[in-house]
Amino acid sequence: MFVKDVVVENQVGLHARPATFFIQKANEFKSSIWVEKQERRANAKSLLGVLSLGIMGGTEIRIIAGGTDEQEAVEALAKLVESGFAE
């Protein structure tokens, strides 16, 4: 397991368009990947799962991965979130 906490930098959070970018990036990896907001966890490869967390701008989330490319997956997703999804 590889885990990293990041703050969602874009103002509107993980709404439909940024969530789609996030999921597309997650699906590039073989590892199982989850995103957590407080006590709730969702599959990072599921649009409905990510949207159901209601992640707003300024929220801290935890990205968790387990598998052969877990560290690479978490680092890539964290970098995407920290970039603000180019918004």
PDB file of N, CA and C in Angstrom:
ATOM      1  N   MET A   1       0.837  -1.189   0.000  1.00  0.00           N
ATOM      2  CA  MET A   1       0.000   0.000   0.000  1.00  0.00           C
ATOM      3  C   MET A   1       0.875   1.244   0.000  1.00  0.00           C
ATOM      4  N   PHE A   2       0.481   2.201  -0.823  1.00  0.00           N
ATOM      5  CA  PHE A   2       1.146   3.498  -0.844  1.00  0.00           C
ATOM      6  C   PHE A   2       0.061   4.544  -0.662  1.00  0.00           C
ATOM      7  N   VAL A   3       0.295   5.507   0.229  1.00  0.00           N
ATOM      8  CA  VAL A   3      -0.724   6.487   0.601  1.00  0.00           C
ATOM      9  C   VAL A   3      -0.136   7.884   0.555  1.00  0.00           C
ATOM     10  N   LYS A   4      -0.945   8.851   0.095  1.00  0.00           N
ATOM     11  CA  LYS A   4      -0.511  10.245   0.111  1.00  0.00           C
ATOM     12  C   LYS A   4      -1.722  11.136   0.314  1.00  0.00           C
ATOM     13  N   ASP A   5      -1.571  12.136   1.180  1.00  0.00           N
ATOM     14  CA  ASP A   5      -2.619  13.134   1.393  1.00  0.00           C
ATOM     15  C   ASP A   5      -2.311  14.355   0.542  1.00  0.00           C
ATOM     16  N   VAL A   6      -3.337  14.875  -0.131  1.00  0.00           N
ATOM     17  CA  VAL A   6      -3.182  16.076  -0.952  1.00  0.00           C
ATOM     18  C   VAL A   6      -4.400  16.971  -0.752  1.00  0.00           C
ATOM     19  N   VAL A   7      -4.208  18.259  -1.026  1.00  0.00           N
ATOM     20  CA  VAL A   7      -5.309  19.220  -0.957  1.00  0.00           C
ATOM     21  C   VAL A   7      -5.744  19.526  -2.383  1.00  0.00           C
ATOM     22  N   VAL A   8      -7.049  19.473  -2.619  1.00  0.00           N
ATOM     23  CA  VAL A   8      -7.613  19.779  -3.935  1.00  0.00           C
ATOM     24  C   VAL A   8      -7.479  21.279  -4.143  1.00  0.00           C
ATOM     25  N   GLU A   9      -6.679  21.678  -5.123  1.00  0.00           N
ATOM     26  CA  GLU A   9      -6.324  23.076  -5.316  1.00  0.00           C
ATOM     27  C   GLU A   9      -7.337  23.882  -6.129  1.00  0.00           C
ATOM     28  N   ASN A  10      -8.033  23.244  -7.083  1.00  0.00           N
ATOM     29  CA  ASN A  10      -8.953  24.036  -7.903  1.00  0.00           C
ATOM     30  C   ASN A  10     -10.180  24.417  -7.085  1.00  0.00           C
ATOM     31  N   GLN A  11     -10.773  25.576  -7.400  1.00  0.00           N
ATOM     32  CA  GLN A  11     -11.839  26.142  -6.572  1.00  0.00           C
ATOM     33  C   GLN A  11     -13.090  25.290  -6.501  1.00  0.00           C
ATOM     34  N   VAL A  12     -13.467  24.660  -7.600  1.00  0.00           N
ATOM     35  CA  VAL A  12     -14.738  23.928  -7.628  1.00  0.00           C
ATOM     36  C   VAL A  12     -14.594  22.473  -7.199  1.00  0.00           C
ATOM     37  N   GLY A  13     -13.384  22.012  -6.967  1.00  0.00           N
ATOM     38  CA  GLY A  13     -13.181  20.646  -6.504  1.00  0.00           C
ATOM     39  C   GLY A  13     -13.248  19.622  -7.626  1.00  0.00           C
ATOM     40  N   LEU A  14     -13.591  18.398  -7.258  1.00  0.00           N
ATOM     41  CA  LEU A  14     -13.656  17.311  -8.238  1.00  0.00           C
ATOM     42  C   LEU A  14     -15.075  17.181  -8.783  1.00  0.00           C
ATOM     43  N   HIS A  15     -15.480  18.165  -9.581  1.00  0.00           N
ATOM     44  CA  HIS A  15     -16.766  18.065 -10.268  1.00  0.00           C
ATOM     45  C   HIS A  15     -16.543  17.255 -11.537  1.00  0.00           C
ATOM     46  N   ALA A  16     -17.493  17.220 -12.435  1.00  0.00           N
ATOM     47  CA  ALA A  16     -17.474  16.285 -13.562  1.00  0.00           C
ATOM     48  C   ALA A  16     -16.195  16.306 -14.403  1.00  0.00           C
ATOM     49  N   ARG A  17     -15.749  17.475 -14.862  1.00  0.00           N
ATOM     50  CA  ARG A  17     -14.593  17.501 -15.756  1.00  0.00           C
ATOM     51  C   ARG A  17     -13.297  17.105 -15.063  1.00  0.00           C
ATOM     52  N   PRO A  18     -12.938  17.720 -13.919  1.00  0.00           N
ATOM     53  CA  PRO A  18     -11.722  17.273 -13.234  1.00  0.00           C
ATOM     54  C   PRO A  18     -11.799  15.819 -12.773  1.00  0.00           C
ATOM     55  N   ALA A  19     -12.983  15.389 -12.347  1.00  0.00           N
ATOM     56  CA  ALA A  19     -13.136  13.991 -11.921  1.00  0.00           C
ATOM     57  C   ALA A  19     -12.874  13.046 -13.084  1.00  0.00           C
ATOM     58  N   THR A  20     -13.305  13.437 -14.275  1.00  0.00           N
ATOM     59  CA  THR A  20     -13.056  12.615 -15.466  1.00  0.00           C
ATOM     60  C   THR A  20     -11.558  12.504 -15.729  1.00  0.00           C
ATOM     61  N   PHE A  21     -10.829  13.618 -15.632  1.00  0.00           N
ATOM     62  CA  PHE A  21      -9.367  13.580 -15.802  1.00  0.00           C
ATOM     63  C   PHE A  21      -8.724  12.679 -14.759  1.00  0.00           C
ATOM     64  N   PHE A  22      -9.208  12.789 -13.516  1.00  0.00           N
ATOM     65  CA  PHE A  22      -8.676  11.997 -12.413  1.00  0.00           C
ATOM     66  C   PHE A  22      -8.871  10.506 -12.685  1.00  0.00           C
ATOM     67  N   ILE A  23     -10.054  10.140 -13.115  1.00  0.00           N
ATOM     68  CA  ILE A  23     -10.387   8.731 -13.381  1.00  0.00           C
ATOM     69  C   ILE A  23      -9.599   8.195 -14.578  1.00  0.00           C
ATOM     70  N   GLN A  24      -9.469   9.015 -15.613  1.00  0.00           N
ATOM     71  CA  GLN A  24      -8.685   8.591 -16.775  1.00  0.00           C
ATOM     72  C   GLN A  24      -7.243   8.303 -16.367  1.00  0.00           C
ATOM     73  N   LYS A  25      -6.683   9.157 -15.531  1.00  0.00           N
ATOM     74  CA  LYS A  25      -5.311   8.950 -15.054  1.00  0.00           C
ATOM     75  C   LYS A  25      -5.237   7.691 -14.199  1.00  0.00           C
ATOM     76  N   ALA A  26      -6.205   7.493 -13.313  1.00  0.00           N
ATOM     77  CA  ALA A  26      -6.216   6.310 -12.452  1.00  0.00           C
ATOM     78  C   ALA A  26      -6.271   5.026 -13.269  1.00  0.00           C
ATOM     79  N   ASN A  27      -7.025   5.056 -14.357  1.00  0.00           N
ATOM     80  CA  ASN A  27      -7.175   3.860 -15.194  1.00  0.00           C
ATOM     81  C   ASN A  27      -5.930   3.532 -16.011  1.00  0.00           C
ATOM     82  N   GLU A  28      -4.929   4.397 -15.990  1.00  0.00           N
ATOM     83  CA  GLU A  28      -3.662   4.104 -16.671  1.00  0.00           C
ATOM     84  C   GLU A  28      -2.809   3.115 -15.873  1.00  0.00           C
ATOM     85  N   PHE A  29      -3.210   2.841 -14.639  1.00  0.00           N
ATOM     86  CA  PHE A  29      -2.406   2.006 -13.754  1.00  0.00           C
ATOM     87  C   PHE A  29      -3.106   0.687 -13.447  1.00  0.00           C
ATOM     88  N   LYS A  30      -2.292  -0.334 -13.164  1.00  0.00           N
ATOM     89  CA  LYS A  30      -2.818  -1.666 -12.851  1.00  0.00           C
ATOM     90  C   LYS A  30      -3.283  -1.779 -11.401  1.00  0.00           C
ATOM     91  N   SER A  31      -2.703  -0.984 -10.525  1.00  0.00           N
ATOM     92  CA  SER A  31      -3.015  -1.055  -9.096  1.00  0.00           C
ATOM     93  C   SER A  31      -4.479  -0.729  -8.810  1.00  0.00           C
ATOM     94  N   SER A  32      -4.962  -1.253  -7.692  1.00  0.00           N
ATOM     95  CA  SER A  32      -6.261  -0.826  -7.169  1.00  0.00           C
ATOM     96  C   SER A  32      -6.027   0.522  -6.503  1.00  0.00           C
ATOM     97  N   ILE A  33      -6.884   1.485  -6.802  1.00  0.00           N
ATOM     98  CA  ILE A  33      -6.691   2.845  -6.296  1.00  0.00           C
ATOM     99  C   ILE A  33      -7.994   3.334  -5.671  1.00  0.00           C
ATOM    100  N   TRP A  34      -7.860   3.956  -4.501  1.00  0.00           N
ATOM    101  CA  TRP A  34      -9.020   4.531  -3.816  1.00  0.00           C
ATOM    102  C   TRP A  34      -8.727   5.977  -3.481  1.00  0.00           C
ATOM    103  N   VAL A  35      -9.786   6.738  -3.333  1.00  0.00           N
ATOM    104  CA  VAL A  35      -9.679   8.115  -2.853  1.00  0.00           C
ATOM    105  C   VAL A  35     -10.576   8.222  -1.620  1.00  0.00           C
ATOM    106  N   GLU A  36     -10.041   8.863  -0.574  1.00  0.00           N
ATOM    107  CA  GLU A  36     -10.783   9.017   0.677  1.00  0.00           C
ATOM    108  C   GLU A  36     -10.970  10.489   0.995  1.00  0.00           C
ATOM    109  N   LYS A  37     -12.167  10.802   1.476  1.00  0.00           N
ATOM    110  CA  LYS A  37     -12.463  12.132   2.015  1.00  0.00           C
ATOM    111  C   LYS A  37     -13.060  11.872   3.389  1.00  0.00           C
ATOM    112  N   GLN A  38     -12.355  12.296   4.417  1.00  0.00           N
ATOM    113  CA  GLN A  38     -12.728  12.015   5.802  1.00  0.00           C
ATOM    114  C   GLN A  38     -12.863  10.503   5.972  1.00  0.00           C
ATOM    115  N   GLU A  39     -14.016   9.992   6.345  1.00  0.00           N
ATOM    116  CA  GLU A  39     -14.184   8.557   6.590  1.00  0.00           C
ATOM    117  C   GLU A  39     -14.749   7.810   5.389  1.00  0.00           C
ATOM    118  N   ARG A  40     -15.004   8.508   4.284  1.00  0.00           N
ATOM    119  CA  ARG A  40     -15.617   7.864   3.122  1.00  0.00           C
ATOM    120  C   ARG A  40     -14.565   7.528   2.075  1.00  0.00           C
ATOM    121  N   ARG A  41     -14.711   6.368   1.466  1.00  0.00           N
ATOM    122  CA  ARG A  41     -13.741   5.886   0.471  1.00  0.00           C
ATOM    123  C   ARG A  41     -14.475   5.485  -0.800  1.00  0.00           C
ATOM    124  N   ALA A  42     -13.858   5.802  -1.948  1.00  0.00           N
ATOM    125  CA  ALA A  42     -14.443   5.427  -3.237  1.00  0.00           C
ATOM    126  C   ALA A  42     -13.348   4.904  -4.157  1.00  0.00           C
ATOM    127  N   ASN A  43     -13.751   4.075  -5.092  1.00  0.00           N
ATOM    128  CA  ASN A  43     -12.846   3.575  -6.122  1.00  0.00           C
ATOM    129  C   ASN A  43     -12.456   4.744  -7.013  1.00  0.00           C
ATOM    130  N   ALA A  44     -11.157   5.003  -7.137  1.00  0.00           N
ATOM    131  CA  ALA A  44     -10.674   6.130  -7.929  1.00  0.00           C
ATOM    132  C   ALA A  44     -10.857   5.915  -9.425  1.00  0.00           C
ATOM    133  N   LYS A  45     -11.258   4.719  -9.820  1.00  0.00           N
ATOM    134  CA  LYS A  45     -11.477   4.433 -11.236  1.00  0.00           C
ATOM    135  C   LYS A  45     -12.961   4.498 -11.599  1.00  0.00           C
ATOM    136  N   SER A  46     -13.798   4.957 -10.654  1.00  0.00           N
ATOM    137  CA  SER A  46     -15.240   5.028 -10.851  1.00  0.00           C
ATOM    138  C   SER A  46     -15.707   6.482 -10.787  1.00  0.00           C
ATOM    139  N   LEU A  47     -16.289   6.990 -11.882  1.00  0.00           N
ATOM    140  CA  LEU A  47     -16.768   8.367 -11.910  1.00  0.00           C
ATOM    141  C   LEU A  47     -17.836   8.594 -10.843  1.00  0.00           C
ATOM    142  N   LEU A  48     -18.800   7.710 -10.760  1.00  0.00           N
ATOM    143  CA  LEU A  48     -19.856   7.873  -9.760  1.00  0.00           C
ATOM    144  C   LEU A  48     -19.292   7.814  -8.350  1.00  0.00           C
ATOM    145  N   GLY A  49     -18.322   6.931  -8.138  1.00  0.00           N
ATOM    146  CA  GLY A  49     -17.713   6.823  -6.817  1.00  0.00           C
ATOM    147  C   GLY A  49     -17.018   8.112  -6.408  1.00  0.00           C
ATOM    148  N   VAL A  50     -16.219   8.660  -7.308  1.00  0.00           N
ATOM    149  CA  VAL A  50     -15.484   9.896  -7.003  1.00  0.00           C
ATOM    150  C   VAL A  50     -16.457  11.058  -6.814  1.00  0.00           C
ATOM    151  N   LEU A  51     -17.435  11.182  -7.704  1.00  0.00           N
ATOM    152  CA  LEU A  51     -18.406  12.266  -7.579  1.00  0.00           C
ATOM    153  C   LEU A  51     -19.223  12.158  -6.297  1.00  0.00           C
ATOM    154  N   SER A  52     -19.488  10.938  -5.850  1.00  0.00           N
ATOM    155  CA  SER A  52     -20.301  10.735  -4.645  1.00  0.00           C
ATOM    156  C   SER A  52     -19.627  11.267  -3.383  1.00  0.00           C
ATOM    157  N   LEU A  53     -18.322  11.469  -3.431  1.00  0.00           N
ATOM    158  CA  LEU A  53     -17.610  11.990  -2.263  1.00  0.00           C
ATOM    159  C   LEU A  53     -17.834  13.488  -2.083  1.00  0.00           C
ATOM    160  N   GLY A  54     -18.281  14.179  -3.132  1.00  0.00           N
ATOM    161  CA  GLY A  54     -18.551  15.610  -3.023  1.00  0.00           C
ATOM    162  C   GLY A  54     -17.328  16.416  -2.635  1.00  0.00           C
ATOM    163  N   ILE A  55     -16.227  16.195  -3.312  1.00  0.00           N
ATOM    164  CA  ILE A  55     -14.957  16.841  -2.966  1.00  0.00           C
ATOM    165  C   ILE A  55     -14.940  18.271  -3.513  1.00  0.00           C
ATOM    166  N   MET A  56     -14.869  19.234  -2.607  1.00  0.00           N
ATOM    167  CA  MET A  56     -14.844  20.648  -2.956  1.00  0.00           C
ATOM    168  C   MET A  56     -13.404  21.172  -2.928  1.00  0.00           C
ATOM    169  N   GLY A  57     -13.198  22.341  -3.522  1.00  0.00           N
ATOM    170  CA  GLY A  57     -11.890  22.981  -3.499  1.00  0.00           C
ATOM    171  C   GLY A  57     -11.433  23.235  -2.074  1.00  0.00           C
ATOM    172  N   GLY A  58     -10.157  23.047  -1.808  1.00  0.00           N
ATOM    173  CA  GLY A  58      -9.593  23.247  -0.482  1.00  0.00           C
ATOM    174  C   GLY A  58      -9.712  22.044   0.437  1.00  0.00           C
ATOM    175  N   THR A  59     -10.341  20.972  -0.046  1.00  0.00           N
ATOM    176  CA  THR A  59     -10.527  19.763   0.748  1.00  0.00           C
ATOM    177  C   THR A  59      -9.282  18.886   0.685  1.00  0.00           C
ATOM    178  N   GLU A  60      -8.911  18.313   1.823  1.00  0.00           N
ATOM    179  CA  GLU A  60      -7.806  17.351   1.825  1.00  0.00           C
ATOM    180  C   GLU A  60      -8.368  15.964   1.544  1.00  0.00           C
ATOM    181  N   ILE A  61      -7.738  15.280   0.609  1.00  0.00           N
ATOM    182  CA  ILE A  61      -8.129  13.912   0.292  1.00  0.00           C
ATOM    183  C   ILE A  61      -6.917  13.005   0.458  1.00  0.00           C
ATOM    184  N   ARG A  62      -7.183  11.734   0.580  1.00  0.00           N
ATOM    185  CA  ARG A  62      -6.122  10.727   0.678  1.00  0.00           C
ATOM    186  C   ARG A  62      -6.231   9.817  -0.535  1.00  0.00           C
ATOM    187  N   ILE A  63      -5.121   9.635  -1.226  1.00  0.00           N
ATOM    188  CA  ILE A  63      -5.064   8.723  -2.369  1.00  0.00           C
ATOM    189  C   ILE A  63      -4.314   7.479  -1.912  1.00  0.00           C
ATOM    190  N   ILE A  64      -4.926   6.318  -2.125  1.00  0.00           N
ATOM    191  CA  ILE A  64      -4.384   5.045  -1.651  1.00  0.00           C
ATOM    192  C   ILE A  64      -4.315   4.084  -2.829  1.00  0.00           C
ATOM    193  N   ALA A  65      -3.198   3.409  -2.974  1.00  0.00           N
ATOM    194  CA  ALA A  65      -3.074   2.422  -4.044  1.00  0.00           C
ATOM    195  C   ALA A  65      -2.372   1.175  -3.526  1.00  0.00           C
ATOM    196  N   GLY A  66      -2.750   0.061  -4.105  1.00  0.00           N
ATOM    197  CA  GLY A  66      -2.119  -1.205  -3.791  1.00  0.00           C
ATOM    198  C   GLY A  66      -1.930  -2.000  -5.059  1.00  0.00           C
ATOM    199  N   GLY A  67      -0.700  -2.402  -5.340  1.00  0.00           N
ATOM    200  CA  GLY A  67      -0.424  -3.169  -6.547  1.00  0.00           C
ATOM    201  C   GLY A  67       0.982  -2.927  -7.049  1.00  0.00           C
ATOM    202  N   THR A  68       1.257  -3.425  -8.228  1.00  0.00           N
ATOM    203  CA  THR A  68       2.613  -3.393  -8.769  1.00  0.00           C
ATOM    204  C   THR A  68       3.125  -1.987  -9.055  1.00  0.00           C
ATOM    205  N   ASP A  69       2.233  -1.063  -9.408  1.00  0.00           N
ATOM    206  CA  ASP A  69       2.662   0.308  -9.726  1.00  0.00           C
ATOM    207  C   ASP A  69       2.041   1.326  -8.764  1.00  0.00           C
ATOM    208  N   GLU A  70       1.841   0.906  -7.502  1.00  0.00           N
ATOM    209  CA  GLU A  70       1.122   1.730  -6.528  1.00  0.00           C
ATOM    210  C   GLU A  70       1.752   3.096  -6.287  1.00  0.00           C
ATOM    211  N   GLN A  71       3.067   3.156  -6.108  1.00  0.00           N
ATOM    212  CA  GLN A  71       3.703   4.441  -5.821  1.00  0.00           C
ATOM    213  C   GLN A  71       3.600   5.373  -7.020  1.00  0.00           C
ATOM    214  N   GLU A  72       3.858   4.847  -8.198  1.00  0.00           N
ATOM    215  CA  GLU A  72       3.760   5.649  -9.421  1.00  0.00           C
ATOM    216  C   GLU A  72       2.337   6.190  -9.600  1.00  0.00           C
ATOM    217  N   ALA A  73       1.345   5.355  -9.332  1.00  0.00           N
ATOM    218  CA  ALA A  73      -0.053   5.751  -9.475  1.00  0.00           C
ATOM    219  C   ALA A  73      -0.409   6.889  -8.522  1.00  0.00           C
ATOM    220  N   VAL A  74      -0.050   6.734  -7.257  1.00  0.00           N
ATOM    221  CA  VAL A  74      -0.377   7.749  -6.255  1.00  0.00           C
ATOM    222  C   VAL A  74       0.330   9.060  -6.579  1.00  0.00           C
ATOM    223  N   GLU A  75       1.598   8.991  -6.945  1.00  0.00           N
ATOM    224  CA  GLU A  75       2.353  10.212  -7.259  1.00  0.00           C
ATOM    225  C   GLU A  75       1.754  10.932  -8.472  1.00  0.00           C
ATOM    226  N   ALA A  76       1.363  10.190  -9.504  1.00  0.00           N
ATOM    227  CA  ALA A  76       0.779  10.803 -10.702  1.00  0.00           C
ATOM    228  C   ALA A  76      -0.563  11.463 -10.391  1.00  0.00           C
ATOM    229  N   LEU A  77      -1.388  10.796  -9.602  1.00  0.00           N
ATOM    230  CA  LEU A  77      -2.692  11.366  -9.247  1.00  0.00           C
ATOM    231  C   LEU A  77      -2.535  12.574  -8.324  1.00  0.00           C
ATOM    232  N   ALA A  78      -1.601  12.499  -7.390  1.00  0.00           N
ATOM    233  CA  ALA A  78      -1.351  13.631  -6.495  1.00  0.00           C
ATOM    234  C   ALA A  78      -0.876  14.845  -7.289  1.00  0.00           C
ATOM    235  N   LYS A  79      -0.008  14.614  -8.251  1.00  0.00           N
ATOM    236  CA  LYS A  79       0.492  15.709  -9.090  1.00  0.00           C
ATOM    237  C   LYS A  79      -0.649  16.343  -9.878  1.00  0.00           C
ATOM    238  N   LEU A  80      -1.548  15.523 -10.403  1.00  0.00           N
ATOM    239  CA  LEU A  80      -2.704  16.034 -11.142  1.00  0.00           C
ATOM    240  C   LEU A  80      -3.589  16.897 -10.238  1.00  0.00           C
ATOM    241  N   VAL A  81      -3.878  16.416  -9.038  1.00  0.00           N
ATOM    242  CA  VAL A  81      -4.715  17.167  -8.094  1.00  0.00           C
ATOM    243  C   VAL A  81      -4.037  18.482  -7.700  1.00  0.00           C
ATOM    244  N   GLU A  82      -2.753  18.415  -7.398  1.00  0.00           N
ATOM    245  CA  GLU A  82      -2.016  19.608  -6.981  1.00  0.00           C
ATOM    246  C   GLU A  82      -1.895  20.640  -8.093  1.00  0.00           C
ATOM    247  N   SER A  83      -1.975  20.209  -9.341  1.00  0.00           N
ATOM    248  CA  SER A  83      -1.886  21.127 -10.478  1.00  0.00           C
ATOM    249  C   SER A  83      -3.164  21.942 -10.647  1.00  0.00           C
ATOM    250  N   GLY A  84      -4.230  21.552  -9.968  1.00  0.00           N
ATOM    251  CA  GLY A  84      -5.501  22.246 -10.105  1.00  0.00           C
ATOM    252  C   GLY A  84      -6.243  21.875 -11.382  1.00  0.00           C
ATOM    253  N   PHE A  85      -5.830  20.791 -12.023  1.00  0.00           N
ATOM    254  CA  PHE A  85      -6.470  20.310 -13.263  1.00  0.00           C
ATOM    255  C   PHE A  85      -6.439  21.370 -14.347  1.00  0.00           C
ATOM    256  N   ALA A  86      -5.425  22.247 -14.290  1.00  0.00           N
ATOM    257  CA  ALA A  86      -5.232  23.312 -15.289  1.00  0.00           C
ATOM    258  C   ALA A  86      -6.457  24.216 -15.400  1.00  0.00           C
ATOM    259  N   GLU A  87      -7.138  24.444 -14.289  1.00  0.00           N
ATOM    260  CA  GLU A  87      -8.291  25.357 -14.295  1.00  0.00           C
ATOM    261  C   GLU A  87      -7.899  26.719 -13.762  1.00  0.00           C
TER     262      GLU A  87
END
